[in-house]
Amino acid sequence: MAFKLPTLPYAFDALEPYIDARTMESADFTTTTCFGRSCRPTAAVNPRLR
């Protein structure tokens, strides 16, 4: 079983004027990067997470 983050169900600019598109893009990139560095290696060595 491969772990994959889902895409956002809305556009980055959908929350404007409360949160701007650039902030949403940055947050999405940061989440994806952290997931790749943390969760995937953990899942690779833990059979219960496969």
Protein backbone atom coordinates (compact mmCIF):
# COMPACT_ATOMS: atom_id res chain seq x y z
CA MET A 1 0.00 0.00 0.00
CA ALA A 2 1.52 3.31 -1.06
CA PHE A 3 0.93 6.45 0.94
CA LYS A 4 -0.11 9.45 -1.09
CA LEU A 5 -1.49 12.78 0.02
CA PRO A 6 -4.73 13.80 -1.67
CA THR A 7 -4.90 17.02 -3.62
CA LEU A 8 -6.89 19.86 -2.12
CA PRO A 9 -10.57 19.67 -3.10
CA TYR A 10 -10.58 23.40 -3.88
CA ALA A 11 -8.39 25.98 -5.60
CA PHE A 12 -5.61 27.70 -3.66
CA ASP A 13 -7.43 31.02 -4.02
CA ALA A 14 -10.81 29.69 -2.80
CA LEU A 15 -10.30 31.04 0.73
CA GLU A 16 -9.45 34.60 -0.26
CA PRO A 17 -9.74 37.21 1.25
CA TYR A 18 -9.17 35.28 4.49
CA ILE A 19 -6.12 33.28 3.32
CA ASP A 20 -4.32 34.27 0.15
CA ALA A 21 -3.38 31.81 -2.60
CA ARG A 22 0.36 32.18 -2.00
CA THR A 23 -0.02 31.17 1.66
CA MET A 24 -2.11 28.14 0.67
CA GLU A 25 0.45 27.05 -1.93
CA SER A 26 3.25 27.39 0.63
CA ALA A 27 1.32 25.42 3.28
CA ASP A 28 0.50 22.67 0.79
CA PHE A 29 4.17 22.41 -0.29
CA THR A 30 5.35 22.32 3.34
CA THR A 31 2.88 19.58 4.25
CA THR A 32 3.89 17.49 1.24
CA THR A 33 7.59 17.92 2.02
CA CYS A 34 7.18 16.95 5.68
CA PHE A 35 5.09 13.94 4.71
CA GLY A 36 7.78 12.75 2.32
CA ARG A 37 10.54 13.12 4.87
CA SER A 38 8.68 11.66 7.87
CA CYS A 39 5.87 9.29 7.03
CA ARG A 40 7.23 7.40 4.05
CA PRO A 41 10.44 6.19 5.74
CA THR A 42 8.47 5.21 8.83
CA ALA A 43 5.98 3.24 6.76
CA ALA A 44 8.81 1.51 4.93
CA VAL A 45 10.22 -0.03 8.13
CA ASN A 46 6.95 -0.69 9.96
CA PRO A 47 5.05 -3.66 8.48
CA ARG A 48 1.79 -2.61 10.18
CA LEU A 49 1.73 0.57 8.07
CA ARG A 50 2.20 -1.12 4.71
